[in-house]
Amino acid sequence: MKKPPRDPDVDDIAPTDSVLTVYDEEHVITYLRMLDADAEGADWREVAQVVLHINPELEPDRAKRAFDTHLTRAKWMTEHGYRHLLRGGASNPNL
């Protein structure tokens, strides 16, 4: 797996696949930032603005959807996705 970008653009909805995706690999840092913010009890609006770069005042539905799906995916990564990373990532045909 190549080094993930530090601050990539995000989709409106995070993946829901049961396997690691290229999007997941590219957004590992985003997921870590989401988990840190969640652990600190940060307001979802601030996280949407700072981490996801979506203005919750201008696009409240989009911001909330992106926040919810990316946080869900970040939590999935801690329970399941990390195993795929350890096996070589989404590009590993043996997953």
N, C-alpha and C. Protein backbone atom coordinates (compact mmCIF):
# COMPACT_ATOMS: atom_id res chain seq x y z
N MET A 1 0.84 -1.17 0.00
CA MET A 1 0.00 0.00 0.00
C MET A 1 0.89 1.23 0.00
N LYS A 2 0.56 2.17 -0.86
CA LYS A 2 1.32 3.42 -0.88
C LYS A 2 0.86 4.32 0.26
N LYS A 3 1.64 5.32 0.54
CA LYS A 3 1.32 6.26 1.61
C LYS A 3 0.04 7.03 1.27
N PRO A 4 -0.94 7.08 2.22
CA PRO A 4 -2.19 7.79 1.91
C PRO A 4 -2.00 9.30 1.90
N PRO A 5 -2.81 10.01 1.12
CA PRO A 5 -2.73 11.48 1.13
C PRO A 5 -3.11 12.01 2.51
N ARG A 6 -2.57 13.14 2.88
CA ARG A 6 -2.83 13.72 4.21
C ARG A 6 -4.22 14.30 4.36
N ASP A 7 -4.76 14.87 3.31
CA ASP A 7 -6.04 15.56 3.43
C ASP A 7 -6.83 15.46 2.13
N PRO A 8 -7.23 14.23 1.75
CA PRO A 8 -7.91 14.06 0.46
C PRO A 8 -9.34 14.58 0.50
N ASP A 9 -9.87 14.89 -0.67
CA ASP A 9 -11.28 15.22 -0.80
C ASP A 9 -12.10 13.99 -0.41
N VAL A 10 -13.30 14.22 0.11
CA VAL A 10 -14.14 13.09 0.51
C VAL A 10 -15.40 13.03 -0.35
N ASP A 11 -15.91 11.84 -0.50
CA ASP A 11 -17.20 11.64 -1.16
C ASP A 11 -18.31 12.00 -0.18
N ASP A 12 -19.49 12.18 -0.68
CA ASP A 12 -20.63 12.49 0.18
C ASP A 12 -20.98 11.32 1.09
N ILE A 13 -20.71 10.12 0.63
CA ILE A 13 -21.01 8.91 1.40
C ILE A 13 -19.78 8.00 1.37
N ALA A 14 -19.36 7.55 2.53
CA ALA A 14 -18.23 6.63 2.63
C ALA A 14 -18.65 5.24 2.14
N PRO A 15 -17.68 4.42 1.76
CA PRO A 15 -18.01 3.07 1.30
C PRO A 15 -18.71 2.25 2.39
N THR A 16 -19.47 1.26 1.93
CA THR A 16 -20.11 0.33 2.85
C THR A 16 -19.74 -1.11 2.52
N ASP A 17 -18.78 -1.29 1.63
CA ASP A 17 -18.35 -2.62 1.23
C ASP A 17 -17.88 -3.41 2.45
N SER A 18 -17.95 -4.72 2.36
CA SER A 18 -17.47 -5.56 3.46
C SER A 18 -15.98 -5.86 3.33
N VAL A 19 -15.36 -5.27 2.34
CA VAL A 19 -13.92 -5.40 2.15
C VAL A 19 -13.32 -4.00 2.01
N LEU A 20 -12.04 -3.92 2.21
CA LEU A 20 -11.31 -2.67 2.09
C LEU A 20 -11.35 -2.18 0.65
N THR A 21 -11.55 -0.90 0.48
CA THR A 21 -11.58 -0.31 -0.86
C THR A 21 -10.37 0.61 -1.04
N VAL A 22 -10.12 0.98 -2.28
CA VAL A 22 -9.06 1.95 -2.56
C VAL A 22 -9.39 3.27 -1.85
N TYR A 23 -10.67 3.64 -1.84
CA TYR A 23 -11.10 4.85 -1.13
C TYR A 23 -10.69 4.77 0.35
N ASP A 24 -10.91 3.62 0.97
CA ASP A 24 -10.52 3.44 2.38
C ASP A 24 -9.02 3.66 2.55
N GLU A 25 -8.24 3.08 1.68
CA GLU A 25 -6.79 3.24 1.77
C GLU A 25 -6.39 4.71 1.65
N GLU A 26 -7.04 5.42 0.76
CA GLU A 26 -6.72 6.82 0.55
C GLU A 26 -7.19 7.70 1.72
N HIS A 27 -8.15 7.21 2.51
CA HIS A 27 -8.74 8.02 3.57
C HIS A 27 -8.43 7.52 4.98
N VAL A 28 -7.38 6.73 5.12
CA VAL A 28 -7.00 6.24 6.44
C VAL A 28 -6.78 7.40 7.41
N ILE A 29 -6.11 8.43 6.98
CA ILE A 29 -5.85 9.58 7.86
C ILE A 29 -7.17 10.29 8.19
N THR A 30 -8.06 10.41 7.22
CA THR A 30 -9.38 11.00 7.47
C THR A 30 -10.10 10.20 8.55
N TYR A 31 -10.08 8.88 8.43
CA TYR A 31 -10.74 8.03 9.41
C TYR A 31 -10.12 8.20 10.80
N LEU A 32 -8.81 8.28 10.86
CA LEU A 32 -8.15 8.48 12.15
C LEU A 32 -8.55 9.81 12.78
N ARG A 33 -8.63 10.83 11.96
CA ARG A 33 -9.05 12.14 12.46
C ARG A 33 -10.49 12.10 12.94
N MET A 34 -11.34 11.36 12.24
CA MET A 34 -12.73 11.21 12.66
C MET A 34 -12.82 10.50 14.01
N LEU A 35 -12.04 9.45 14.16
CA LEU A 35 -12.04 8.70 15.43
C LEU A 35 -11.52 9.55 16.58
N ASP A 36 -10.47 10.31 16.33
CA ASP A 36 -9.94 11.21 17.37
C ASP A 36 -10.99 12.24 17.79
N ALA A 37 -11.65 12.83 16.81
CA ALA A 37 -12.67 13.84 17.10
C ALA A 37 -13.82 13.22 17.88
N ASP A 38 -14.22 12.01 17.50
CA ASP A 38 -15.30 11.32 18.19
C ASP A 38 -14.91 11.03 19.65
N ALA A 39 -13.69 10.58 19.85
CA ALA A 39 -13.22 10.28 21.20
C ALA A 39 -13.17 11.53 22.08
N GLU A 40 -12.93 12.67 21.46
CA GLU A 40 -12.87 13.93 22.20
C GLU A 40 -14.24 14.59 22.36
N GLY A 41 -15.26 13.98 21.76
CA GLY A 41 -16.61 14.54 21.86
C GLY A 41 -16.81 15.80 21.04
N ALA A 42 -16.06 15.94 19.97
CA ALA A 42 -16.17 17.13 19.12
C ALA A 42 -17.54 17.20 18.46
N ASP A 43 -18.02 18.40 18.26
CA ASP A 43 -19.30 18.63 17.59
C ASP A 43 -19.18 18.17 16.13
N TRP A 44 -20.19 17.45 15.66
CA TRP A 44 -20.14 16.91 14.30
C TRP A 44 -19.98 18.00 13.26
N ARG A 45 -20.54 19.19 13.52
CA ARG A 45 -20.46 20.28 12.55
C ARG A 45 -19.01 20.75 12.37
N GLU A 46 -18.30 20.82 13.48
CA GLU A 46 -16.90 21.22 13.41
C GLU A 46 -16.07 20.18 12.66
N VAL A 47 -16.36 18.91 12.93
CA VAL A 47 -15.63 17.83 12.25
C VAL A 47 -15.93 17.86 10.75
N ALA A 48 -17.19 18.06 10.40
CA ALA A 48 -17.54 18.14 8.98
C ALA A 48 -16.78 19.27 8.30
N GLN A 49 -16.68 20.40 8.98
CA GLN A 49 -16.00 21.57 8.41
C GLN A 49 -14.49 21.34 8.32
N VAL A 50 -13.88 20.91 9.41
CA VAL A 50 -12.42 20.82 9.49
C VAL A 50 -11.86 19.58 8.81
N VAL A 51 -12.48 18.44 9.05
CA VAL A 51 -11.93 17.18 8.53
C VAL A 51 -12.46 16.86 7.13
N LEU A 52 -13.76 17.05 6.94
CA LEU A 52 -14.37 16.66 5.66
C LEU A 52 -14.46 17.81 4.66
N HIS A 53 -14.22 19.03 5.13
CA HIS A 53 -14.25 20.21 4.27
C HIS A 53 -15.63 20.45 3.64
N ILE A 54 -16.66 20.20 4.45
CA ILE A 54 -18.03 20.46 4.02
C ILE A 54 -18.63 21.44 5.02
N ASN A 55 -19.15 22.53 4.53
CA ASN A 55 -19.70 23.56 5.39
C ASN A 55 -21.11 23.15 5.84
N PRO A 56 -21.28 22.84 7.14
CA PRO A 56 -22.59 22.38 7.60
C PRO A 56 -23.65 23.48 7.61
N GLU A 57 -23.23 24.72 7.56
CA GLU A 57 -24.21 25.83 7.51
C GLU A 57 -24.79 25.94 6.10
N LEU A 58 -23.96 25.71 5.09
CA LEU A 58 -24.41 25.82 3.71
C LEU A 58 -25.04 24.54 3.19
N GLU A 59 -24.53 23.39 3.66
CA GLU A 59 -25.00 22.09 3.18
C GLU A 59 -25.22 21.15 4.37
N PRO A 60 -26.22 21.42 5.21
CA PRO A 60 -26.39 20.64 6.44
C PRO A 60 -26.67 19.16 6.20
N ASP A 61 -27.49 18.83 5.23
CA ASP A 61 -27.81 17.42 4.97
C ASP A 61 -26.59 16.66 4.45
N ARG A 62 -25.91 17.27 3.50
CA ARG A 62 -24.71 16.65 2.94
C ARG A 62 -23.63 16.48 4.01
N ALA A 63 -23.45 17.51 4.82
CA ALA A 63 -22.43 17.47 5.88
C ALA A 63 -22.73 16.37 6.89
N LYS A 64 -23.98 16.28 7.31
CA LYS A 64 -24.35 15.27 8.31
C LYS A 64 -24.23 13.87 7.75
N ARG A 65 -24.67 13.68 6.51
CA ARG A 65 -24.56 12.37 5.86
C ARG A 65 -23.10 11.95 5.72
N ALA A 66 -22.26 12.87 5.27
CA ALA A 66 -20.83 12.56 5.11
C ALA A 66 -20.20 12.26 6.47
N PHE A 67 -20.54 13.06 7.47
CA PHE A 67 -20.00 12.83 8.81
C PHE A 67 -20.41 11.44 9.31
N ASP A 68 -21.70 11.14 9.26
CA ASP A 68 -22.20 9.87 9.79
C ASP A 68 -21.58 8.67 9.07
N THR A 69 -21.54 8.73 7.74
CA THR A 69 -21.03 7.56 7.01
C THR A 69 -19.52 7.40 7.16
N HIS A 70 -18.80 8.50 7.24
CA HIS A 70 -17.34 8.39 7.41
C HIS A 70 -16.98 7.94 8.83
N LEU A 71 -17.73 8.37 9.82
CA LEU A 71 -17.47 7.90 11.18
C LEU A 71 -17.81 6.42 11.30
N THR A 72 -18.90 6.01 10.70
CA THR A 72 -19.26 4.59 10.69
C THR A 72 -18.17 3.76 10.03
N ARG A 73 -17.67 4.26 8.90
CA ARG A 73 -16.62 3.53 8.19
C ARG A 73 -15.33 3.52 8.99
N ALA A 74 -15.02 4.62 9.65
CA ALA A 74 -13.82 4.68 10.49
C ALA A 74 -13.90 3.63 11.60
N LYS A 75 -15.07 3.48 12.19
CA LYS A 75 -15.25 2.47 13.24
C LYS A 75 -15.15 1.07 12.66
N TRP A 76 -15.68 0.87 11.46
CA TRP A 76 -15.56 -0.42 10.78
C TRP A 76 -14.09 -0.77 10.57
N MET A 77 -13.32 0.24 10.20
CA MET A 77 -11.88 0.02 9.98
C MET A 77 -11.20 -0.50 11.24
N THR A 78 -11.62 -0.03 12.41
CA THR A 78 -10.98 -0.47 13.66
C THR A 78 -11.36 -1.90 14.00
N GLU A 79 -12.50 -2.36 13.51
CA GLU A 79 -12.98 -3.71 13.82
C GLU A 79 -12.66 -4.73 12.74
N HIS A 80 -12.67 -4.30 11.48
CA HIS A 80 -12.51 -5.25 10.37
C HIS A 80 -11.49 -4.80 9.34
N GLY A 81 -11.55 -3.55 8.94
CA GLY A 81 -10.74 -3.06 7.83
C GLY A 81 -9.25 -3.16 8.04
N TYR A 82 -8.81 -3.00 9.29
CA TYR A 82 -7.37 -3.05 9.55
C TYR A 82 -6.78 -4.39 9.14
N ARG A 83 -7.56 -5.47 9.24
CA ARG A 83 -7.06 -6.80 8.84
C ARG A 83 -6.71 -6.81 7.36
N HIS A 84 -7.55 -6.13 6.57
CA HIS A 84 -7.29 -6.05 5.13
C HIS A 84 -6.01 -5.26 4.86
N LEU A 85 -5.79 -4.21 5.64
CA LEU A 85 -4.55 -3.43 5.48
C LEU A 85 -3.34 -4.29 5.78
N LEU A 86 -3.43 -5.09 6.83
CA LEU A 86 -2.31 -5.95 7.21
C LEU A 86 -2.00 -7.01 6.15
N ARG A 87 -3.02 -7.38 5.37
CA ARG A 87 -2.83 -8.38 4.31
C ARG A 87 -2.35 -7.75 3.01
N GLY A 88 -2.22 -6.44 2.98
CA GLY A 88 -1.70 -5.82 1.78
C GLY A 88 -2.63 -4.81 1.14
N GLY A 89 -3.82 -4.64 1.67
CA GLY A 89 -4.72 -3.62 1.17
C GLY A 89 -5.66 -4.08 0.09
N ALA A 90 -6.36 -3.12 -0.47
CA ALA A 90 -7.40 -3.40 -1.46
C ALA A 90 -6.85 -3.98 -2.75
N SER A 91 -5.62 -3.70 -3.06
CA SER A 91 -5.05 -4.19 -4.31
C SER A 91 -4.52 -5.62 -4.22
N ASN A 92 -4.56 -6.22 -3.02
CA ASN A 92 -4.09 -7.58 -2.84
C ASN A 92 -5.17 -8.55 -3.30
N PRO A 93 -4.92 -9.33 -4.33
CA PRO A 93 -5.93 -10.23 -4.87
C PRO A 93 -6.26 -11.39 -3.93
N ASN A 94 -5.49 -11.62 -2.89
CA ASN A 94 -5.72 -12.75 -1.98
C ASN A 94 -6.65 -12.42 -0.83
N LEU A 95 -7.29 -11.23 -0.83
CA LEU A 95 -8.19 -10.86 0.27
C LEU A 95 -9.42 -11.71 0.28
